[in-house]
């Protein structure tokens, strides 16, 4: 009964991820041992890129207290 919740990307730092391309790779192939599956054959590549850009936009808000209160 373990419930894995996604991190708050406006607060938590992403480990070993520095670019949108890095995020895309994690979404595409998953993260071994973390419970995060890969979505390479599940959703279209353009949707993977859209998710990556969205996560990157949230990451850009890190440290912005007004964004966290919204």
Protein backbone atom coordinates (compact mmCIF):
# COMPACT_ATOMS: atom_id res chain seq x y z
CA UNK A 1 0.00 0.00 0.00
CA UNK A 2 2.82 2.38 -0.83
CA UNK A 3 1.65 5.57 -2.49
CA UNK A 4 4.29 7.35 -4.56
CA UNK A 5 3.57 11.03 -4.95
CA UNK A 6 5.25 13.24 -7.57
CA UNK A 7 7.64 15.86 -6.24
CA UNK A 8 6.78 19.54 -6.14
CA UNK A 9 9.11 20.73 -8.90
CA UNK A 10 8.81 24.33 -7.69
CA UNK A 11 10.38 23.20 -4.40
CA UNK A 12 12.36 19.98 -4.82
CA UNK A 13 15.58 19.95 -6.77
CA UNK A 14 15.89 17.44 -9.63
CA UNK A 15 18.93 15.24 -9.19
CA UNK A 16 21.34 14.99 -12.16
CA UNK A 17 18.93 16.83 -14.44
CA UNK A 18 20.15 20.07 -15.96
CA UNK A 19 18.35 20.41 -19.31
CA UNK A 20 15.02 19.75 -20.99
CA UNK A 21 16.78 16.94 -22.85
CA UNK A 22 17.67 15.31 -19.51
CA UNK A 23 14.03 15.50 -18.41
CA UNK A 24 12.93 14.04 -21.75
CA UNK A 25 15.27 11.07 -21.29
CA UNK A 26 13.86 10.38 -17.80
CA UNK A 27 10.28 10.53 -19.06
CA UNK A 28 11.08 8.42 -22.12
CA UNK A 29 13.01 5.64 -20.35
CA UNK A 30 11.97 5.96 -16.70
CA UNK A 31 14.19 5.74 -13.65
CA UNK A 32 15.28 2.25 -12.66
CA UNK A 33 14.49 1.33 -9.07
CA UNK A 34 12.33 4.38 -8.45
CA UNK A 35 8.93 3.12 -9.53
CA UNK A 36 8.87 5.62 -12.41
CA UNK A 37 8.19 3.74 -15.65
CA UNK A 38 9.28 4.88 -19.08
CA UNK A 39 6.69 6.20 -21.49
CA UNK A 40 8.59 5.69 -24.77
CA UNK A 41 6.06 3.31 -26.30
CA UNK A 42 3.05 4.65 -24.38
CA UNK A 43 2.70 8.29 -25.45
CA UNK A 44 3.87 10.09 -28.59
CA UNK A 45 7.33 11.68 -28.56
CA UNK A 46 5.89 15.20 -28.93
CA UNK A 47 3.89 14.63 -25.73
CA UNK A 48 7.05 13.51 -23.93
CA UNK A 49 8.70 16.77 -25.00
CA UNK A 50 5.65 18.73 -23.85
CA UNK A 51 5.84 17.09 -20.40
CA UNK A 52 9.58 17.85 -20.25
CA UNK A 53 9.04 21.52 -21.08
CA UNK A 54 6.24 21.71 -18.50
CA UNK A 55 8.44 20.20 -15.78
CA UNK A 56 11.23 22.59 -16.77
CA UNK A 57 8.83 25.54 -16.46
CA UNK A 58 7.93 24.40 -12.94
CA UNK A 59 11.60 23.96 -12.12
CA UNK A 60 12.20 27.57 -13.23
CA UNK A 61 9.78 28.68 -10.49
CA UNK A 62 11.93 27.11 -7.78
CA UNK A 63 12.45 29.61 -5.00
CA UNK A 64 9.57 31.84 -6.13
CA UNK A 65 7.35 31.95 -3.04
CA UNK A 66 4.48 33.59 -4.94
CA UNK A 67 4.38 30.62 -7.36
CA UNK A 68 4.20 28.14 -4.48
CA UNK A 69 1.21 29.92 -2.93
CA UNK A 70 -0.81 29.88 -6.16
